[in-house]
PDB file of all heavy atoms in Angstrom:
ATOM      1  N   PHE A   1      28.671  35.065  -8.409  1.00  0.00           N
ATOM      2  CA  PHE A   1      29.132  36.367  -8.114  1.00  0.00           C
ATOM      3  C   PHE A   1      30.622  36.261  -7.731  1.00  0.00           C
ATOM      4  O   PHE A   1      31.493  37.132  -8.065  1.00  0.00           O
ATOM      5  CB  PHE A   1      28.285  36.992  -6.859  1.00  0.00           C
ATOM      6  CG  PHE A   1      28.717  38.229  -6.432  1.00  0.00           C
ATOM      7  CD1 PHE A   1      28.672  39.322  -7.183  1.00  0.00           C
ATOM      8  CD2 PHE A   1      29.306  38.394  -5.159  1.00  0.00           C
ATOM      9  CE1 PHE A   1      28.906  40.627  -6.782  1.00  0.00           C
ATOM     10  CE2 PHE A   1      29.607  39.675  -4.702  1.00  0.00           C
ATOM     11  CZ  PHE A   1      29.529  40.808  -5.535  1.00  0.00           C
ATOM     12  N   GLY A   2      31.012  35.196  -7.105  1.00  0.00           N
ATOM     13  CA  GLY A   2      32.534  34.948  -6.733  1.00  0.00           C
ATOM     14  C   GLY A   2      33.215  34.718  -8.022  1.00  0.00           C
ATOM     15  O   GLY A   2      34.428  35.273  -8.096  1.00  0.00           O
ATOM     16  N   SER A   3      32.715  34.010  -8.986  1.00  0.00           N
ATOM     17  CA  SER A   3      33.424  33.745 -10.259  1.00  0.00           C
ATOM     18  C   SER A   3      33.689  35.115 -11.004  1.00  0.00           C
ATOM     19  O   SER A   3      34.722  35.074 -11.669  1.00  0.00           O
ATOM     20  CB  SER A   3      32.795  32.783 -10.944  1.00  0.00           C
ATOM     21  OG  SER A   3      31.480  33.321 -11.647  1.00  0.00           O
ATOM     22  N   MET A   4      32.912  35.970 -10.742  1.00  0.00           N
ATOM     23  CA  MET A   4      33.107  37.332 -11.481  1.00  0.00           C
ATOM     24  C   MET A   4      34.311  38.004 -11.017  1.00  0.00           C
ATOM     25  O   MET A   4      34.996  38.671 -11.935  1.00  0.00           O
ATOM     26  CB  MET A   4      31.873  38.253 -11.258  1.00  0.00           C
ATOM     27  CG  MET A   4      30.533  37.698 -11.797  1.00  0.00           C
ATOM     28  SD  MET A   4      30.676  37.211 -13.491  1.00  0.00           S
ATOM     29  CE  MET A   4      29.103  36.394 -13.757  1.00  0.00           C
ATOM     30  N   PHE A   5      34.706  37.945  -9.723  1.00  0.00           N
ATOM     31  CA  PHE A   5      35.878  38.524  -9.167  1.00  0.00           C
ATOM     32  C   PHE A   5      37.196  37.826  -9.804  1.00  0.00           C
ATOM     33  O   PHE A   5      38.173  38.432 -10.076  1.00  0.00           O
ATOM     34  CB  PHE A   5      35.893  38.547  -7.755  1.00  0.00           C
ATOM     35  CG  PHE A   5      35.012  39.529  -7.140  1.00  0.00           C
ATOM     36  CD1 PHE A   5      33.665  39.298  -6.751  1.00  0.00           C
ATOM     37  CD2 PHE A   5      35.379  40.849  -6.965  1.00  0.00           C
ATOM     38  CE1 PHE A   5      32.887  40.142  -6.207  1.00  0.00           C
ATOM     39  CE2 PHE A   5      34.506  41.733  -6.402  1.00  0.00           C
ATOM     40  CZ  PHE A   5      33.297  41.462  -5.996  1.00  0.00           C
ATOM     41  N   ILE A   6      36.954  36.461 -10.009  1.00  0.00           N
ATOM     42  CA  ILE A   6      38.186  35.836 -10.627  1.00  0.00           C
ATOM     43  C   ILE A   6      38.322  36.248 -12.078  1.00  0.00           C
ATOM     44  O   ILE A   6      39.417  36.443 -12.552  1.00  0.00           O
ATOM     45  CB  ILE A   6      37.941  34.263 -10.543  1.00  0.00           C
ATOM     46  CG1 ILE A   6      37.681  33.737  -9.178  1.00  0.00           C
ATOM     47  CG2 ILE A   6      38.933  33.538 -11.353  1.00  0.00           C
ATOM     48  CD1 ILE A   6      37.321  32.249  -8.916  1.00  0.00           C
ATOM     49  N   ALA A   7      37.155  36.412 -12.766  1.00  0.00           N
ATOM     50  CA  ALA A   7      37.237  36.989 -14.123  1.00  0.00           C
ATOM     51  C   ALA A   7      37.843  38.355 -14.184  1.00  0.00           C
ATOM     52  O   ALA A   7      38.601  38.646 -15.110  1.00  0.00           O
ATOM     53  CB  ALA A   7      35.830  36.833 -14.774  1.00  0.00           C
ATOM     54  N   LEU A   8      37.527  39.027 -13.282  1.00  0.00           N
ATOM     55  CA  LEU A   8      38.085  40.474 -13.225  1.00  0.00           C
ATOM     56  C   LEU A   8      39.588  40.390 -12.988  1.00  0.00           C
ATOM     57  O   LEU A   8      40.405  41.203 -13.546  1.00  0.00           O
ATOM     58  CB  LEU A   8      37.440  41.454 -11.906  1.00  0.00           C
ATOM     59  CG  LEU A   8      38.007  42.706 -11.755  1.00  0.00           C
ATOM     60  CD1 LEU A   8      37.813  43.604 -12.954  1.00  0.00           C
ATOM     61  CD2 LEU A   8      37.327  43.369 -10.580  1.00  0.00           C
ATOM     62  N   GLY A   9      40.071  39.436 -12.037  1.00  0.00           N
ATOM     63  CA  GLY A   9      41.484  39.418 -11.937  1.00  0.00           C
ATOM     64  C   GLY A   9      42.268  38.913 -13.171  1.00  0.00           C
ATOM     65  O   GLY A   9      43.242  39.511 -13.404  1.00  0.00           O
ATOM     66  N   PHE A  10      41.699  37.943 -13.941  1.00  0.00           N
ATOM     67  CA  PHE A  10      42.159  37.688 -15.181  1.00  0.00           C
ATOM     68  C   PHE A  10      42.286  38.760 -16.269  1.00  0.00           C
ATOM     69  O   PHE A  10      43.215  38.986 -17.012  1.00  0.00           O
ATOM     70  CB  PHE A  10      41.546  36.453 -15.795  1.00  0.00           C
ATOM     71  CG  PHE A  10      41.952  35.081 -15.378  1.00  0.00           C
ATOM     72  CD1 PHE A  10      41.213  34.468 -14.394  1.00  0.00           C
ATOM     73  CD2 PHE A  10      43.137  34.578 -15.630  1.00  0.00           C
ATOM     74  CE1 PHE A  10      41.596  33.143 -14.066  1.00  0.00           C
ATOM     75  CE2 PHE A  10      43.694  33.403 -15.219  1.00  0.00           C
ATOM     76  CZ  PHE A  10      42.794  32.654 -14.308  1.00  0.00           C
ATOM     77  N   ALA A  11      41.263  39.638 -16.260  1.00  0.00           N
ATOM     78  CA  ALA A  11      41.043  40.771 -17.080  1.00  0.00           C
ATOM     79  C   ALA A  11      42.196  41.786 -16.817  1.00  0.00           C
ATOM     80  O   ALA A  11      42.842  42.354 -17.717  1.00  0.00           O
ATOM     81  CB  ALA A  11      39.758  41.337 -17.046  1.00  0.00           C
ATOM     82  N   VAL A  12      42.457  42.028 -15.526  1.00  0.00           N
ATOM     83  CA  VAL A  12      43.437  43.012 -15.130  1.00  0.00           C
ATOM     84  C   VAL A  12      44.822  42.474 -15.455  1.00  0.00           C
ATOM     85  O   VAL A  12      45.685  43.268 -15.812  1.00  0.00           O
ATOM     86  CB  VAL A  12      43.286  43.344 -13.668  1.00  0.00           C
ATOM     87  CG1 VAL A  12      44.453  44.269 -13.288  1.00  0.00           C
ATOM     88  CG2 VAL A  12      41.984  44.125 -13.391  1.00  0.00           C
ATOM     89  N   TRP A  13      44.964  41.136 -15.353  1.00  0.00           N
ATOM     90  CA  TRP A  13      46.328  40.501 -15.598  1.00  0.00           C
ATOM     91  C   TRP A  13      46.586  40.407 -17.066  1.00  0.00           C
ATOM     92  O   TRP A  13      47.825  40.265 -17.437  1.00  0.00           O
ATOM     93  CB  TRP A  13      46.277  39.116 -14.966  1.00  0.00           C
ATOM     94  CG  TRP A  13      47.474  38.306 -15.321  1.00  0.00           C
ATOM     95  CD1 TRP A  13      48.695  38.385 -14.690  1.00  0.00           C
ATOM     96  CD2 TRP A  13      47.515  37.229 -16.129  1.00  0.00           C
ATOM     97  NE1 TRP A  13      49.513  37.435 -15.199  1.00  0.00           N
ATOM     98  CE2 TRP A  13      48.846  36.740 -16.141  1.00  0.00           C
ATOM     99  CE3 TRP A  13      46.637  36.686 -17.070  1.00  0.00           C
ATOM    100  CZ2 TRP A  13      49.272  35.622 -16.965  1.00  0.00           C
ATOM    101  CZ3 TRP A  13      46.996  35.548 -17.885  1.00  0.00           C
ATOM    102  CH2 TRP A  13      48.301  35.087 -17.794  1.00  0.00           C
ATOM    103  N   LEU A  14      45.690  40.576 -18.019  1.00  0.00           N
ATOM    104  CA  LEU A  14      46.001  40.456 -19.364  1.00  0.00           C
ATOM    105  C   LEU A  14      47.047  41.513 -19.815  1.00  0.00           C
ATOM    106  O   LEU A  14      46.977  42.607 -19.502  1.00  0.00           O
ATOM    107  CB  LEU A  14      44.785  40.632 -20.182  1.00  0.00           C
ATOM    108  CG  LEU A  14      43.647  39.536 -20.208  1.00  0.00           C
ATOM    109  CD1 LEU A  14      42.408  40.058 -20.884  1.00  0.00           C
ATOM    110  CD2 LEU A  14      44.270  38.135 -20.808  1.00  0.00           C
ATOM    111  N   PRO A  15      47.887  40.992 -20.726  1.00  0.00           N
ATOM    112  CA  PRO A  15      48.939  42.041 -21.198  1.00  0.00           C
ATOM    113  C   PRO A  15      48.227  43.202 -22.131  1.00  0.00           C
ATOM    114  O   PRO A  15      47.201  42.886 -22.802  1.00  0.00           O
ATOM    115  CB  PRO A  15      49.820  41.236 -22.081  1.00  0.00           C
ATOM    116  CG  PRO A  15      49.087  40.045 -22.516  1.00  0.00           C
ATOM    117  CD  PRO A  15      48.207  39.791 -21.341  1.00  0.00           C
ATOM    118  N   ASN A  16      48.766  44.319 -22.062  1.00  0.00           N
ATOM    119  CA  ASN A  16      48.176  45.366 -22.917  1.00  0.00           C
ATOM    120  C   ASN A  16      48.434  45.178 -24.452  1.00  0.00           C
ATOM    121  O   ASN A  16      49.385  44.455 -24.791  1.00  0.00           O
ATOM    122  CB  ASN A  16      48.929  46.835 -22.519  1.00  0.00           C
ATOM    123  CG  ASN A  16      48.545  47.207 -21.055  1.00  0.00           C
ATOM    124  OD1 ASN A  16      47.412  47.005 -20.634  1.00  0.00           O
ATOM    125  ND2 ASN A  16      49.415  47.737 -20.318  1.00  0.00           N
ATOM    126  N   VAL A  17      47.574  45.752 -25.206  1.00  0.00           N
ATOM    127  CA  VAL A  17      47.707  45.746 -26.686  1.00  0.00           C
ATOM    128  C   VAL A  17      48.322  47.125 -27.172  1.00  0.00           C
ATOM    129  O   VAL A  17      47.904  48.201 -26.799  1.00  0.00           O
ATOM    130  CB  VAL A  17      46.253  45.578 -27.294  1.00  0.00           C
ATOM    131  CG1 VAL A  17      46.318  45.653 -28.790  1.00  0.00           C
ATOM    132  CG2 VAL A  17      45.683  44.355 -26.900  1.00  0.00           C
ATOM    133  N   LYS A  18      49.370  46.959 -27.953  1.00  0.00           N
ATOM    134  CA  LYS A  18      50.046  48.226 -28.409  1.00  0.00           C
ATOM    135  C   LYS A  18      49.435  48.712 -29.648  1.00  0.00           C
ATOM    136  O   LYS A  18      49.430  49.988 -29.953  1.00  0.00           O
ATOM    137  CB  LYS A  18      51.536  47.813 -28.757  1.00  0.00           C
ATOM    138  CG  LYS A  18      52.295  47.373 -27.552  1.00  0.00           C
ATOM    139  CD  LYS A  18      53.702  47.030 -27.893  1.00  0.00           C
ATOM    140  CE  LYS A  18      54.467  46.545 -26.618  1.00  0.00           C
ATOM    141  NZ  LYS A  18      55.944  46.260 -26.890  1.00  0.00           N
ATOM    142  N   TYR A  19      48.869  47.904 -30.566  1.00  0.00           N
ATOM    143  CA  TYR A  19      48.337  48.434 -31.669  1.00  0.00           C
ATOM    144  C   TYR A  19      46.903  47.763 -31.975  1.00  0.00           C
ATOM    145  O   TYR A  19      46.594  46.589 -31.764  1.00  0.00           O
ATOM    146  CB  TYR A  19      49.173  48.063 -32.982  1.00  0.00           C
ATOM    147  CG  TYR A  19      50.545  48.454 -32.895  1.00  0.00           C
ATOM    148  CD1 TYR A  19      51.480  47.690 -32.464  1.00  0.00           C
ATOM    149  CD2 TYR A  19      50.868  49.835 -33.118  1.00  0.00           C
ATOM    150  CE1 TYR A  19      52.859  48.144 -32.449  1.00  0.00           C
ATOM    151  CE2 TYR A  19      52.167  50.256 -32.947  1.00  0.00           C
ATOM    152  CZ  TYR A  19      53.102  49.460 -32.655  1.00  0.00           C
ATOM    153  OH  TYR A  19      54.498  49.902 -32.608  1.00  0.00           O
ATOM    154  N   SER A  20      46.008  48.591 -32.525  1.00  0.00           N
ATOM    155  CA  SER A  20      44.585  48.164 -32.803  1.00  0.00           C
ATOM    156  C   SER A  20      44.623  47.383 -34.168  1.00  0.00           C
ATOM    157  O   SER A  20      45.562  47.521 -34.939  1.00  0.00           O
ATOM    158  CB  SER A  20      43.728  49.263 -32.825  1.00  0.00           C
ATOM    159  OG  SER A  20      43.895  50.222 -33.868  1.00  0.00           O
ATOM    160  N   ILE A  21      43.554  46.691 -34.410  1.00  0.00           N
ATOM    161  CA  ILE A  21      43.475  45.945 -35.658  1.00  0.00           C
ATOM    162  C   ILE A  21      43.284  46.846 -36.818  1.00  0.00           C
ATOM    163  O   ILE A  21      43.941  46.563 -37.871  1.00  0.00           O
ATOM    164  CB  ILE A  21      42.454  44.847 -35.591  1.00  0.00           C
ATOM    165  CG1 ILE A  21      42.696  43.900 -34.570  1.00  0.00           C
ATOM    166  CG2 ILE A  21      42.206  44.115 -36.957  1.00  0.00           C
ATOM    167  CD1 ILE A  21      41.722  42.815 -34.241  1.00  0.00           C
ATOM    168  N   TYR A  22      42.486  47.920 -36.620  1.00  0.00           N
ATOM    169  CA  TYR A  22      42.103  48.766 -37.826  1.00  0.00           C
ATOM    170  C   TYR A  22      42.743  50.026 -37.999  1.00  0.00           C
ATOM    171  O   TYR A  22      43.108  50.418 -39.230  1.00  0.00           O
ATOM    172  CB  TYR A  22      40.528  48.911 -37.590  1.00  0.00           C
ATOM    173  CG  TYR A  22      39.724  47.638 -37.615  1.00  0.00           C
ATOM    174  CD1 TYR A  22      39.070  47.210 -36.420  1.00  0.00           C
ATOM    175  CD2 TYR A  22      39.582  46.950 -38.814  1.00  0.00           C
ATOM    176  CE1 TYR A  22      38.373  46.110 -36.416  1.00  0.00           C
ATOM    177  CE2 TYR A  22      38.779  45.783 -38.633  1.00  0.00           C
ATOM    178  CZ  TYR A  22      38.303  45.326 -37.488  1.00  0.00           C
ATOM    179  OH  TYR A  22      37.536  44.156 -37.372  1.00  0.00           O
ATOM    180  N   PHE A  23      43.228  50.713 -36.944  1.00  0.00           N
ATOM    181  CA  PHE A  23      43.652  52.009 -37.043  1.00  0.00           C
ATOM    182  C   PHE A  23      45.200  52.059 -36.994  1.00  0.00           C
ATOM    183  O   PHE A  23      45.909  52.792 -37.699  1.00  0.00           O
ATOM    184  CB  PHE A  23      43.086  52.929 -35.926  1.00  0.00           C
ATOM    185  CG  PHE A  23      41.535  52.944 -36.160  1.00  0.00           C
ATOM    186  CD1 PHE A  23      40.684  52.560 -35.168  1.00  0.00           C
ATOM    187  CD2 PHE A  23      40.974  53.546 -37.244  1.00  0.00           C
ATOM    188  CE1 PHE A  23      39.279  52.664 -35.348  1.00  0.00           C
ATOM    189  CE2 PHE A  23      39.659  53.586 -37.543  1.00  0.00           C
ATOM    190  CZ  PHE A  23      38.828  53.136 -36.472  1.00  0.00           C
ATOM    191  N   ARG A  24      45.843  51.481 -35.968  1.00  0.00           N
ATOM    192  CA  ARG A  24      47.245  51.720 -35.699  1.00  0.00           C
ATOM    193  C   ARG A  24      48.054  50.381 -35.855  1.00  0.00           C
ATOM    194  O   ARG A  24      48.936  50.152 -35.112  1.00  0.00           O
ATOM    195  CB  ARG A  24      47.530  52.301 -34.315  1.00  0.00           C
ATOM    196  CG  ARG A  24      46.897  53.666 -34.145  1.00  0.00           C
ATOM    197  CD  ARG A  24      47.276  54.247 -32.780  1.00  0.00           C
ATOM    198  NE  ARG A  24      46.560  53.612 -31.693  1.00  0.00           N
ATOM    199  CZ  ARG A  24      45.254  53.906 -31.391  1.00  0.00           C
ATOM    200  NH1 ARG A  24      44.602  54.838 -31.964  1.00  0.00           N
ATOM    201  NH2 ARG A  24      44.741  53.181 -30.420  1.00  0.00           N
ATOM    202  N   ARG A  25      47.538  49.502 -36.614  1.00  0.00           N
ATOM    203  CA  ARG A  25      48.208  48.092 -36.798  1.00  0.00           C
ATOM    204  C   ARG A  25      49.418  48.107 -37.556  1.00  0.00           C
ATOM    205  O   ARG A  25      49.355  48.644 -38.754  1.00  0.00           O
ATOM    206  CB  ARG A  25      47.239  47.114 -37.322  1.00  0.00           C
ATOM    207  CG  ARG A  25      47.672  45.759 -37.611  1.00  0.00           C
ATOM    208  CD  ARG A  25      47.737  45.063 -36.279  1.00  0.00           C
ATOM    209  NE  ARG A  25      48.036  43.576 -36.563  1.00  0.00           N
ATOM    210  CZ  ARG A  25      48.145  42.735 -35.478  1.00  0.00           C
ATOM    211  NH1 ARG A  25      47.971  43.186 -34.236  1.00  0.00           N
ATOM    212  NH2 ARG A  25      48.361  41.497 -35.800  1.00  0.00           N
ATOM    213  N   VAL A  26      50.490  47.732 -36.942  1.00  0.00           N
ATOM    214  CA  VAL A  26      51.802  47.569 -37.654  1.00  0.00           C
ATOM    215  C   VAL A  26      52.316  46.119 -37.384  1.00  0.00           C
ATOM    216  O   VAL A  26      52.605  45.870 -36.256  1.00  0.00           O
ATOM    217  CB  VAL A  26      52.817  48.592 -37.393  1.00  0.00           C
ATOM    218  CG1 VAL A  26      54.135  48.351 -38.133  1.00  0.00           C
ATOM    219  CG2 VAL A  26      52.389  49.984 -37.599  1.00  0.00           C
ATOM    220  N   THR A  27      52.416  45.198 -38.289  1.00  0.00           N
ATOM    221  CA  THR A  27      52.760  43.909 -38.023  1.00  0.00           C
ATOM    222  C   THR A  27      54.321  43.872 -37.838  1.00  0.00           C
ATOM    223  O   THR A  27      55.031  44.683 -38.339  1.00  0.00           O
ATOM    224  CB  THR A  27      52.416  42.969 -39.268  1.00  0.00           C
ATOM    225  OG1 THR A  27      53.177  43.485 -40.470  1.00  0.00           O
ATOM    226  CG2 THR A  27      50.969  43.030 -39.468  1.00  0.00           C
ATOM    227  N   ALA A  28      54.734  42.754 -37.259  1.00  0.00           N
ATOM    228  CA  ALA A  28      56.193  42.610 -36.875  1.00  0.00           C
ATOM    229  C   ALA A  28      56.958  42.520 -38.233  1.00  0.00           C
ATOM    230  O   ALA A  28      58.033  42.962 -38.413  1.00  0.00           O
ATOM    231  CB  ALA A  28      56.346  41.423 -36.013  1.00  0.00           C
ATOM    232  N   LYS A  29      56.454  41.849 -39.221  1.00  0.00           N
ATOM    233  CA  LYS A  29      57.125  41.648 -40.493  1.00  0.00           C
ATOM    234  C   LYS A  29      57.265  43.033 -41.149  1.00  0.00           C
ATOM    235  O   LYS A  29      58.383  43.301 -41.778  1.00  0.00           O
ATOM    236  CB  LYS A  29      56.200  40.792 -41.516  1.00  0.00           C
ATOM    237  CG  LYS A  29      56.994  40.378 -42.791  1.00  0.00           C
ATOM    238  CD  LYS A  29      56.127  39.442 -43.466  1.00  0.00           C
ATOM    239  CE  LYS A  29      56.756  39.032 -44.766  1.00  0.00           C
ATOM    240  NZ  LYS A  29      56.071  38.130 -45.540  1.00  0.00           N
ATOM    241  N   GLN A  30      56.263  43.897 -41.219  1.00  0.00           N
ATOM    242  CA  GLN A  30      56.307  45.190 -41.778  1.00  0.00           C
ATOM    243  C   GLN A  30      57.429  46.065 -41.044  1.00  0.00           C
ATOM    244  O   GLN A  30      58.350  46.652 -41.773  1.00  0.00           O
ATOM    245  CB  GLN A  30      55.036  45.954 -41.831  1.00  0.00           C
ATOM    246  CG  GLN A  30      53.971  45.443 -42.750  1.00  0.00           C
ATOM    247  CD  GLN A  30      52.721  46.147 -42.623  1.00  0.00           C
ATOM    248  OE1 GLN A  30      52.250  46.324 -41.422  1.00  0.00           O
ATOM    249  NE2 GLN A  30      52.017  46.453 -43.648  1.00  0.00           N
ATOM    250  N   THR A  31      57.433  45.991 -39.764  1.00  0.00           N
ATOM    251  CA  THR A  31      58.367  46.726 -38.950  1.00  0.00           C
ATOM    252  C   THR A  31      59.731  46.308 -39.340  1.00  0.00           C
ATOM    253  O   THR A  31      60.697  47.193 -39.519  1.00  0.00           O
ATOM    254  CB  THR A  31      58.130  46.736 -37.502  1.00  0.00           C
ATOM    255  OG1 THR A  31      56.667  47.085 -37.249  1.00  0.00           O
ATOM    256  CG2 THR A  31      59.066  47.539 -36.668  1.00  0.00           C
ATOM    257  N   THR A  32      60.031  44.995 -39.409  1.00  0.00           N
ATOM    258  CA  THR A  32      61.472  44.500 -39.497  1.00  0.00           C
ATOM    259  C   THR A  32      61.904  44.835 -40.931  1.00  0.00           C
ATOM    260  O   THR A  32      63.012  45.304 -41.017  1.00  0.00           O
ATOM    261  CB  THR A  32      61.401  42.900 -39.318  1.00  0.00           C
ATOM    262  OG1 THR A  32      60.895  42.657 -38.015  1.00  0.00           O
ATOM    263  CG2 THR A  32      62.766  42.375 -39.503  1.00  0.00           C
ATOM    264  N   SER A  33      61.097  44.655 -41.928  1.00  0.00           N
ATOM    265  CA  SER A  33      61.595  45.031 -43.264  1.00  0.00           C
ATOM    266  C   SER A  33      61.782  46.310 -43.487  1.00  0.00           C
ATOM    267  O   SER A  33      62.752  46.869 -44.162  1.00  0.00           O
ATOM    268  CB  SER A  33      60.547  44.468 -44.238  1.00  0.00           C
ATOM    269  OG  SER A  33      59.267  45.064 -44.072  1.00  0.00           O
ATOM    270  N   ALA A  34      60.957  47.298 -42.821  1.00  0.00           N
ATOM    271  CA  ALA A  34      61.088  48.662 -42.810  1.00  0.00           C
ATOM    272  C   ALA A  34      62.376  49.137 -42.285  1.00  0.00           C
ATOM    273  O   ALA A  34      63.158  49.940 -42.756  1.00  0.00           O
ATOM    274  CB  ALA A  34      59.948  49.461 -42.166  1.00  0.00           C
ATOM    275  N   VAL A  35      62.715  48.636 -41.108  1.00  0.00           N
ATOM    276  CA  VAL A  35      63.917  49.015 -40.357  1.00  0.00           C
ATOM    277  C   VAL A  35      65.111  48.665 -41.144  1.00  0.00           C
ATOM    278  O   VAL A  35      66.078  49.365 -41.310  1.00  0.00           O
ATOM    279  CB  VAL A  35      63.929  48.403 -39.029  1.00  0.00           C
ATOM    280  CG1 VAL A  35      65.324  48.629 -38.302  1.00  0.00           C
ATOM    281  CG2 VAL A  35      62.853  49.142 -38.136  1.00  0.00           C
ATOM    282  N   GLU A  36      65.165  47.370 -41.659  1.00  0.00           N
ATOM    283  CA  GLU A  36      66.209  46.912 -42.463  1.00  0.00           C
ATOM    284  C   GLU A  36      66.566  47.697 -43.715  1.00  0.00           C
ATOM    285  O   GLU A  36      67.682  48.101 -44.068  1.00  0.00           O
ATOM    286  CB  GLU A  36      66.080  45.366 -42.761  1.00  0.00           C
ATOM    287  CG  GLU A  36      66.141  44.444 -41.692  1.00  0.00           C
ATOM    288  CD  GLU A  36      65.876  42.985 -42.014  1.00  0.00           C
ATOM    289  OE1 GLU A  36      65.495  42.793 -43.181  1.00  0.00           O
ATOM    290  OE2 GLU A  36      65.966  42.127 -41.246  1.00  0.00           O
ATOM    291  N   GLY A  37      65.317  48.135 -44.387  1.00  0.00           N
ATOM    292  CA  GLY A  37      65.573  48.859 -45.523  1.00  0.00           C
ATOM    293  C   GLY A  37      66.114  50.278 -45.260  1.00  0.00           C
ATOM    294  O   GLY A  37      67.013  50.722 -46.092  1.00  0.00           O
ATOM    295  N   VAL A  38      65.790  50.865 -44.166  1.00  0.00           N
ATOM    296  CA  VAL A  38      66.159  52.212 -43.910  1.00  0.00           C
ATOM    297  C   VAL A  38      67.539  52.142 -43.411  1.00  0.00           C
ATOM    298  O   VAL A  38      68.413  53.067 -43.755  1.00  0.00           O
ATOM    299  CB  VAL A  38      65.239  52.999 -42.843  1.00  0.00           C
ATOM    300  CG1 VAL A  38      65.818  54.269 -42.513  1.00  0.00           C
ATOM    301  CG2 VAL A  38      63.853  53.033 -43.549  1.00  0.00           C
ATOM    302  N   THR A  39      67.964  51.201 -42.580  1.00  0.00           N
ATOM    303  CA  THR A  39      69.343  51.049 -41.937  1.00  0.00           C
ATOM    304  C   THR A  39      70.318  50.759 -42.967  1.00  0.00           C
ATOM    305  O   THR A  39      71.422  51.211 -42.851  1.00  0.00           O
ATOM    306  CB  THR A  39      69.322  49.981 -40.909  1.00  0.00           C
ATOM    307  OG1 THR A  39      68.289  50.204 -39.946  1.00  0.00           O
ATOM    308  CG2 THR A  39      70.559  49.904 -40.167  1.00  0.00           C
TER     309      THR A  39
END
C-alpha cells in the first residue's frame, strides 16, 4: 500500500506527451524539414 503512493508520485512527475502515436503524431524530423522547406 505504501509503495502505491510512491508509484503515484512518479506517475504525476512524468512529463506530458504532446502528440499521440496514432492520431496527432508529428516527428521531429518531419517538423524540421517542413519548416525549412516553407521558410
